[in-house]
Amino acid sequence: MDGISDFNALHSRQYDHEVQLSAFDFLAMDGDDLRFLPLHLRKANLQQLLARRPDGIRVAPFERGEIGPDLF
């Protein structure tokens, strides 16, 4: 409410239909450090991991090139 997170309300699951998760990167899996992999490979792994994800989970796409200034 009013842009302030309410962990108790989230934990109660009464607002599941409103909750969204954006997955941006995949840094580790089964204890293995994946940070040395290029971002496009980590994003591909993330996409594969979440291929059958439930509603409310969104995978941020991989964008090649300098897009930071445009996004900002």
N, C-alpha and C. Protein backbone atom coordinates (compact mmCIF):
# COMPACT_ATOMS: atom_id res chain seq x y z
N MET A 1 0.84 -1.17 0.00
CA MET A 1 0.00 0.00 0.00
C MET A 1 0.89 1.24 0.00
N ASP A 2 0.52 2.23 -0.74
CA ASP A 2 1.27 3.48 -0.81
C ASP A 2 2.71 3.27 -1.27
N GLY A 3 2.97 2.20 -2.05
CA GLY A 3 4.30 1.95 -2.57
C GLY A 3 5.28 1.38 -1.57
N ILE A 4 4.78 0.95 -0.41
CA ILE A 4 5.65 0.40 0.63
C ILE A 4 5.42 -1.10 0.71
N SER A 5 6.51 -1.88 0.64
CA SER A 5 6.40 -3.33 0.72
C SER A 5 5.89 -3.76 2.09
N ASP A 6 5.04 -4.77 2.09
CA ASP A 6 4.49 -5.32 3.34
C ASP A 6 4.79 -6.81 3.34
N PHE A 7 5.89 -7.20 3.98
CA PHE A 7 6.33 -8.59 3.96
C PHE A 7 5.27 -9.51 4.56
N ASN A 8 4.62 -9.09 5.63
CA ASN A 8 3.59 -9.94 6.25
C ASN A 8 2.45 -10.23 5.28
N ALA A 9 2.02 -9.24 4.52
CA ALA A 9 0.96 -9.44 3.54
C ALA A 9 1.44 -10.37 2.42
N LEU A 10 2.69 -10.20 2.00
CA LEU A 10 3.24 -11.08 0.98
C LEU A 10 3.33 -12.51 1.49
N HIS A 11 3.80 -12.66 2.69
CA HIS A 11 3.97 -13.99 3.28
C HIS A 11 2.64 -14.69 3.49
N SER A 12 1.57 -13.92 3.70
CA SER A 12 0.25 -14.51 3.93
C SER A 12 -0.33 -15.12 2.65
N ARG A 13 0.24 -14.81 1.51
CA ARG A 13 -0.16 -15.30 0.19
C ARG A 13 -1.53 -14.78 -0.25
N GLN A 14 -2.08 -13.82 0.46
CA GLN A 14 -3.38 -13.31 0.06
C GLN A 14 -3.28 -12.39 -1.16
N TYR A 15 -2.07 -11.99 -1.52
CA TYR A 15 -1.88 -11.12 -2.68
C TYR A 15 -1.08 -11.80 -3.79
N ASP A 16 -1.08 -13.12 -3.83
CA ASP A 16 -0.31 -13.85 -4.84
C ASP A 16 -0.60 -13.37 -6.26
N HIS A 17 -1.83 -13.03 -6.54
CA HIS A 17 -2.21 -12.60 -7.89
C HIS A 17 -1.56 -11.26 -8.28
N GLU A 18 -1.05 -10.51 -7.31
CA GLU A 18 -0.43 -9.22 -7.58
C GLU A 18 1.09 -9.27 -7.58
N VAL A 19 1.67 -10.34 -7.07
CA VAL A 19 3.12 -10.42 -6.91
C VAL A 19 3.79 -10.74 -8.24
N GLN A 20 4.86 -10.02 -8.53
CA GLN A 20 5.64 -10.24 -9.75
C GLN A 20 7.11 -10.39 -9.38
N LEU A 21 7.79 -11.29 -10.07
CA LEU A 21 9.23 -11.48 -9.89
C LEU A 21 9.89 -11.30 -11.24
N SER A 22 10.91 -10.47 -11.31
CA SER A 22 11.70 -10.31 -12.53
C SER A 22 13.05 -10.95 -12.30
N ALA A 23 13.37 -11.95 -13.11
CA ALA A 23 14.66 -12.64 -13.03
C ALA A 23 15.59 -12.02 -14.06
N PHE A 24 16.76 -11.54 -13.60
CA PHE A 24 17.68 -10.81 -14.47
C PHE A 24 18.94 -11.60 -14.80
N ASP A 25 19.41 -12.42 -13.89
CA ASP A 25 20.70 -13.07 -14.08
C ASP A 25 20.72 -14.38 -13.32
N PHE A 26 21.68 -15.21 -13.64
CA PHE A 26 21.81 -16.55 -13.07
C PHE A 26 23.27 -16.71 -12.68
N LEU A 27 23.60 -16.46 -11.41
CA LEU A 27 24.99 -16.37 -10.98
C LEU A 27 25.57 -17.65 -10.42
N ALA A 28 24.73 -18.57 -9.96
CA ALA A 28 25.21 -19.83 -9.38
C ALA A 28 24.15 -20.90 -9.55
N MET A 29 24.62 -22.16 -9.65
CA MET A 29 23.70 -23.28 -9.73
C MET A 29 24.35 -24.49 -9.07
N ASP A 30 23.65 -25.10 -8.13
CA ASP A 30 24.15 -26.27 -7.42
C ASP A 30 25.54 -26.03 -6.82
N GLY A 31 25.77 -24.84 -6.32
CA GLY A 31 27.05 -24.50 -5.70
C GLY A 31 28.13 -24.08 -6.68
N ASP A 32 27.85 -24.12 -7.98
CA ASP A 32 28.84 -23.71 -8.98
C ASP A 32 28.69 -22.23 -9.28
N ASP A 33 29.81 -21.52 -9.31
CA ASP A 33 29.86 -20.10 -9.64
C ASP A 33 29.78 -19.94 -11.15
N LEU A 34 28.76 -19.26 -11.64
CA LEU A 34 28.57 -19.05 -13.07
C LEU A 34 28.95 -17.64 -13.52
N ARG A 35 29.48 -16.84 -12.61
CA ARG A 35 29.79 -15.45 -12.95
C ARG A 35 30.84 -15.30 -14.03
N PHE A 36 31.66 -16.32 -14.25
CA PHE A 36 32.69 -16.24 -15.28
C PHE A 36 32.11 -16.40 -16.69
N LEU A 37 30.89 -16.94 -16.79
CA LEU A 37 30.26 -17.12 -18.09
C LEU A 37 29.80 -15.77 -18.64
N PRO A 38 29.80 -15.62 -19.96
CA PRO A 38 29.25 -14.39 -20.54
C PRO A 38 27.77 -14.25 -20.20
N LEU A 39 27.32 -13.02 -20.12
CA LEU A 39 25.93 -12.75 -19.73
C LEU A 39 24.94 -13.47 -20.64
N HIS A 40 25.18 -13.50 -21.94
CA HIS A 40 24.20 -14.13 -22.83
C HIS A 40 24.06 -15.63 -22.53
N LEU A 41 25.11 -16.29 -22.07
CA LEU A 41 25.00 -17.70 -21.69
C LEU A 41 24.26 -17.86 -20.36
N ARG A 42 24.54 -16.97 -19.42
CA ARG A 42 23.81 -17.02 -18.14
C ARG A 42 22.33 -16.78 -18.37
N LYS A 43 22.00 -15.83 -19.26
CA LYS A 43 20.59 -15.55 -19.57
C LYS A 43 19.94 -16.77 -20.23
N ALA A 44 20.65 -17.45 -21.12
CA ALA A 44 20.12 -18.65 -21.78
C ALA A 44 19.86 -19.73 -20.73
N ASN A 45 20.79 -19.90 -19.78
CA ASN A 45 20.59 -20.87 -18.70
C ASN A 45 19.38 -20.51 -17.85
N LEU A 46 19.23 -19.23 -17.56
CA LEU A 46 18.09 -18.76 -16.77
C LEU A 46 16.78 -19.03 -17.51
N GLN A 47 16.76 -18.73 -18.79
CA GLN A 47 15.57 -18.97 -19.60
C GLN A 47 15.20 -20.44 -19.59
N GLN A 48 16.20 -21.31 -19.71
CA GLN A 48 15.95 -22.75 -19.71
C GLN A 48 15.43 -23.21 -18.34
N LEU A 49 16.05 -22.70 -17.28
CA LEU A 49 15.63 -23.07 -15.93
C LEU A 49 14.17 -22.68 -15.67
N LEU A 50 13.77 -21.53 -16.18
CA LEU A 50 12.42 -21.02 -15.93
C LEU A 50 11.48 -21.22 -17.12
N ALA A 51 11.79 -22.19 -17.98
CA ALA A 51 10.96 -22.41 -19.18
C ALA A 51 9.51 -22.71 -18.83
N ARG A 52 9.28 -23.44 -17.77
CA ARG A 52 7.90 -23.78 -17.36
C ARG A 52 7.56 -23.05 -16.07
N ARG A 53 7.86 -21.78 -16.04
CA ARG A 53 7.63 -20.98 -14.84
C ARG A 53 6.15 -20.66 -14.66
N PRO A 54 5.75 -20.47 -13.42
CA PRO A 54 4.35 -20.08 -13.17
C PRO A 54 4.13 -18.61 -13.55
N ASP A 55 2.87 -18.24 -13.67
CA ASP A 55 2.54 -16.84 -13.90
C ASP A 55 3.14 -16.00 -12.79
N GLY A 56 3.54 -14.79 -13.12
CA GLY A 56 4.09 -13.89 -12.12
C GLY A 56 5.60 -13.87 -12.10
N ILE A 57 6.25 -14.74 -12.88
CA ILE A 57 7.71 -14.71 -12.98
C ILE A 57 8.06 -14.34 -14.41
N ARG A 58 8.82 -13.28 -14.55
CA ARG A 58 9.22 -12.77 -15.86
C ARG A 58 10.73 -12.82 -15.96
N VAL A 59 11.22 -13.26 -17.12
CA VAL A 59 12.66 -13.28 -17.37
C VAL A 59 13.00 -12.05 -18.21
N ALA A 60 13.87 -11.20 -17.67
CA ALA A 60 14.29 -10.02 -18.41
C ALA A 60 15.13 -10.47 -19.61
N PRO A 61 14.83 -9.97 -20.80
CA PRO A 61 15.53 -10.42 -22.00
C PRO A 61 16.99 -9.95 -22.04
N PHE A 62 17.79 -10.65 -22.83
CA PHE A 62 19.18 -10.26 -23.04
C PHE A 62 19.22 -9.25 -24.18
N GLU A 63 19.86 -8.14 -23.96
CA GLU A 63 19.99 -7.09 -24.96
C GLU A 63 21.46 -6.90 -25.28
N ARG A 64 21.82 -7.04 -26.53
CA ARG A 64 23.21 -6.84 -26.94
C ARG A 64 23.47 -5.36 -27.18
N GLY A 65 24.70 -4.94 -26.90
CA GLY A 65 25.10 -3.58 -27.20
C GLY A 65 24.91 -2.65 -26.02
N GLU A 66 25.16 -1.39 -26.27
CA GLU A 66 25.06 -0.35 -25.25
C GLU A 66 23.63 0.18 -25.19
N ILE A 67 22.82 -0.40 -24.32
CA ILE A 67 21.44 0.04 -24.21
C ILE A 67 21.20 0.80 -22.91
N GLY A 68 22.19 0.83 -22.02
CA GLY A 68 22.02 1.49 -20.73
C GLY A 68 21.48 2.90 -20.81
N PRO A 69 22.10 3.76 -21.63
CA PRO A 69 21.60 5.15 -21.70
C PRO A 69 20.14 5.23 -22.15
N ASP A 70 19.74 4.37 -23.11
CA ASP A 70 18.35 4.38 -23.57
C ASP A 70 17.40 3.88 -22.48
N LEU A 71 17.82 2.86 -21.74
CA LEU A 71 16.98 2.35 -20.66
C LEU A 71 16.84 3.36 -19.54
N PHE A 72 17.95 4.04 -19.23
CA PHE A 72 17.92 5.01 -18.15
C PHE A 72 17.01 6.17 -18.50
